[in-house]
Protein backbone atom coordinates (compact mmCIF):
# COMPACT_ATOMS: atom_id res chain seq x y z
CA MET A 1 21.60 -17.84 4.98
CA ASN A 2 19.88 -15.99 7.63
CA ALA A 3 16.02 -16.07 8.23
CA THR A 4 15.38 -12.59 6.36
CA SER A 5 17.30 -13.76 3.32
CA ASN A 6 15.47 -17.15 3.41
CA LEU A 7 12.21 -15.18 3.57
CA ALA A 8 13.23 -12.92 0.68
CA ALA A 9 14.33 -15.95 -1.66
CA ALA A 10 10.93 -17.81 -0.85
CA SER A 11 8.97 -14.80 -1.59
CA ALA A 12 10.70 -14.09 -4.87
CA THR A 13 10.32 -17.48 -6.19
CA GLY A 14 6.76 -18.25 -4.64
CA SER A 15 7.88 -21.31 -2.96
CA GLY A 16 7.28 -20.02 0.44
CA TRP A 17 3.86 -18.42 -0.45
CA TRP A 18 1.97 -20.43 2.49
CA ARG A 19 4.22 -18.81 4.92
CA TRP A 20 2.53 -15.26 3.96
CA LEU A 21 -0.96 -17.13 4.90
CA GLY A 22 0.21 -17.26 8.53
CA LEU A 23 0.54 -13.41 8.37
CA SER A 24 -2.80 -13.44 7.25
CA LEU A 25 -4.05 -15.56 9.89
CA ALA A 26 -2.60 -13.65 12.54
CA ILE A 27 -4.63 -10.74 11.22
CA ILE A 28 -7.72 -12.44 11.22
CA VAL A 29 -7.24 -13.59 14.51
CA ALA A 30 -6.28 -10.02 15.85
CA ASP A 31 -9.20 -8.62 14.20
CA GLN A 32 -11.82 -11.05 15.39
CA ALA A 33 -10.48 -11.04 18.93
CA THR A 34 -10.48 -7.18 19.27
CA LYS A 35 -14.17 -7.04 17.64
CA ALA A 36 -15.36 -9.97 20.46
CA ALA A 37 -13.99 -7.76 23.15
CA ILE A 38 -15.39 -4.58 22.02
CA LEU A 39 -18.81 -6.36 21.39
CA THR A 40 -18.69 -7.60 24.97
CA ALA A 41 -17.83 -4.21 26.65
CA PHE A 42 -19.87 -1.94 24.60
CA SER A 43 -23.51 -1.19 23.84
CA PRO A 44 -24.16 -0.17 20.03
CA GLY A 45 -23.12 3.64 19.57
CA GLU A 46 -21.48 3.74 23.04
CA GLN A 47 -18.21 5.82 23.04
CA ARG A 48 -15.18 5.62 25.46
CA ALA A 49 -12.68 8.49 25.16
CA ILE A 50 -9.22 7.38 25.52
CA THR A 51 -7.35 10.35 24.65
CA SER A 52 -8.62 13.72 23.66
CA PHE A 53 -8.50 12.81 20.06
CA PHE A 54 -9.29 9.01 20.11
CA SER A 55 -12.10 6.86 21.36
CA LEU A 56 -13.42 3.47 21.14
CA VAL A 57 -16.86 3.12 19.98
CA LEU A 58 -19.28 0.24 18.83
CA ALA A 59 -20.25 0.88 15.58
CA PHE A 60 -21.96 -1.17 12.76
CA ASN A 61 -21.22 -0.70 8.80
CA PRO A 62 -23.34 -2.65 6.35
CA GLY A 63 -21.63 -0.60 3.76
CA ALA A 64 -18.01 -0.60 2.67
CA ALA A 65 -15.25 1.89 3.37
CA PHE A 66 -16.38 5.12 4.72
CA SER A 67 -19.94 3.42 4.85
CA PHE A 68 -20.14 3.37 1.11
CA LEU A 69 -23.92 1.78 0.23
CA ALA A 70 -24.58 1.69 4.21
CA GLY A 71 -27.91 2.91 3.22
CA ALA A 72 -28.81 0.25 0.53
CA ASP A 73 -31.55 -2.47 1.39
CA GLY A 74 -28.93 -5.43 1.97
CA TRP A 75 -27.94 -6.55 -1.39
CA GLN A 76 -24.64 -4.78 -0.84
CA ARG A 77 -23.92 -7.72 1.76
CA TRP A 78 -23.47 -10.15 -0.95
CA ILE A 79 -21.67 -8.02 -3.40
CA PHE A 80 -18.93 -7.18 -0.69
CA THR A 81 -19.07 -10.82 0.23
CA LEU A 82 -18.31 -11.82 -3.62
CA ILE A 83 -15.71 -9.11 -4.00
CA ALA A 84 -13.88 -10.31 -1.02
CA ILE A 85 -13.83 -13.89 -1.92
CA ILE A 86 -12.74 -13.09 -5.45
CA ALA A 87 -10.16 -10.73 -4.03
CA ALA A 88 -8.89 -13.51 -1.76
CA CYS A 89 -8.64 -15.79 -4.72
CA VAL A 90 -6.53 -13.50 -6.82
CA ILE A 91 -4.18 -12.75 -3.68
CA VAL A 92 -3.41 -16.19 -3.00
CA TRP A 93 -2.72 -16.56 -6.87
CA LEU A 94 -0.51 -13.65 -6.66
CA LEU A 95 1.34 -15.17 -3.50
CA LYS A 96 2.00 -18.16 -5.38
CA ARG A 97 3.71 -16.56 -8.17
CA GLY A 98 6.03 -14.65 -5.84
CA GLY A 99 7.33 -11.47 -5.47
CA SER A 100 9.41 -9.08 -3.05
CA VAL A 101 9.02 -9.27 0.71
CA LEU A 102 7.09 -5.90 0.53
CA PHE A 103 4.91 -7.05 -2.17
CA CYS A 104 3.87 -10.28 -0.34
CA CYS A 105 3.50 -8.78 2.76
CA GLY A 106 1.18 -6.05 1.78
CA LEU A 107 -0.86 -8.92 -0.20
CA ALA A 108 -0.94 -10.76 3.03
CA LEU A 109 -2.02 -7.93 5.19
CA ILE A 110 -4.68 -7.04 2.51
CA LEU A 111 -5.90 -10.63 2.45
CA GLY A 112 -6.20 -11.00 6.14
CA GLY A 113 -7.92 -7.65 6.52
CA ALA A 114 -10.55 -8.60 3.77
CA MET A 115 -11.10 -11.99 5.31
CA GLY A 116 -11.39 -10.38 8.68
CA ASN A 117 -14.14 -8.20 7.55
CA LEU A 118 -15.62 -11.02 5.40
CA CYS A 119 -15.97 -13.04 8.97
CA ASP A 120 -18.36 -9.79 9.95
CA ARG A 121 -20.64 -9.78 6.75
CA LEU A 122 -21.24 -13.63 6.76
CA THR A 123 -21.85 -13.98 10.47
CA ILE A 124 -24.01 -10.60 11.50
CA GLY A 125 -24.25 -8.94 7.77
CA LYS A 126 -22.31 -5.88 8.93
CA VAL A 127 -18.42 -5.07 9.77
CA ILE A 128 -17.79 -4.15 13.34
CA ASP A 129 -15.77 -0.84 13.64
CA PHE A 130 -14.41 0.54 17.02
CA LEU A 131 -11.61 2.75 16.44
CA LEU A 132 -12.56 6.39 16.09
CA PHE A 133 -10.16 9.36 15.93
CA HIS A 134 -11.58 12.79 16.37
CA TYR A 135 -10.70 16.59 16.89
CA ALA A 136 -12.45 19.56 17.57
CA GLY A 137 -15.71 18.54 16.06
CA TRP A 138 -14.12 16.47 13.31
CA ALA A 139 -14.16 12.55 13.26
CA TYR A 140 -12.75 10.19 10.78
CA PRO A 141 -15.00 7.27 10.44
CA ALA A 142 -14.55 4.54 12.74
CA PHE A 143 -12.65 1.49 11.44
CA ASN A 144 -11.17 -1.59 12.88
CA VAL A 145 -7.95 -4.01 12.82
CA ALA A 146 -9.06 -5.45 9.54
CA ASP A 147 -9.37 -1.91 7.85
CA SER A 148 -5.82 -0.99 9.32
CA ALA A 149 -4.07 -4.02 7.70
CA ILE A 150 -5.86 -3.44 4.25
CA THR A 151 -4.57 0.32 4.58
CA VAL A 152 -1.06 -0.81 5.42
CA GLY A 153 -1.13 -3.47 2.88
CA ALA A 154 -2.02 -1.14 0.16
CA GLY A 155 0.60 1.21 1.34
CA LEU A 156 3.45 -1.44 1.03
CA LEU A 157 2.01 -2.37 -2.41
CA ILE A 158 2.52 1.23 -3.57
CA PHE A 159 5.60 1.84 -2.01
CA ASP A 160 6.93 -1.54 -3.64
CA SER A 161 5.78 -0.29 -6.83
CA PHE A 162 8.19 2.51 -6.74
CA ARG A 163 11.05 0.71 -5.84
CA GLN A 164 13.54 0.27 -8.57
CA ARG A 165 13.77 -3.11 -10.30
CA ARG A 166 16.84 -4.90 -11.64
CA ALA A 167 16.40 -5.08 -15.56
CA GLU A 168 15.39 -8.38 -16.42
CA PRO A 169 16.55 -9.87 -19.66
CA ARG A 170 14.20 -9.92 -22.68
CA GLN A 171 13.05 -13.25 -24.21
CA SER A 172 15.17 -12.38 -27.56
CA ASP A 173 18.33 -11.58 -25.32
CA ALA A 174 18.41 -14.97 -23.47
């Protein structure tokens, strides 16, 4: 058996669920390392153009995606913290149950991203964003490595949901 089939077998049965936590940890480390580098090199609001459509910027987001609830009085920090903790518990439970490699990979990416942003919320009360895409006066909201992992993970879960499954025998057929 090769490494890929070992991973697929462990994912399907849930026996290798802890391996996926390694991917989550790698996302957390990459997210926190890149944020630390940006905090060291930039002042708040400072922007450096890398290309005509991409810049690095130091931005802080006390809200959620697309600055949802960013203007609230601070209570949102604790709501988003609670949501991240509950989501992490559910994701670990799902990883223990097993599934396809795509499913488990998607969950691990979402878990790593959620925990990366949770670290920011717990330490400074807001999320550090620094990747900014823009064109001709339009700009996509700044985001970070954790946000990217969450987005890719969600995409993998959606893609996995459309894959054909083998018909499983019903209880009465067994």
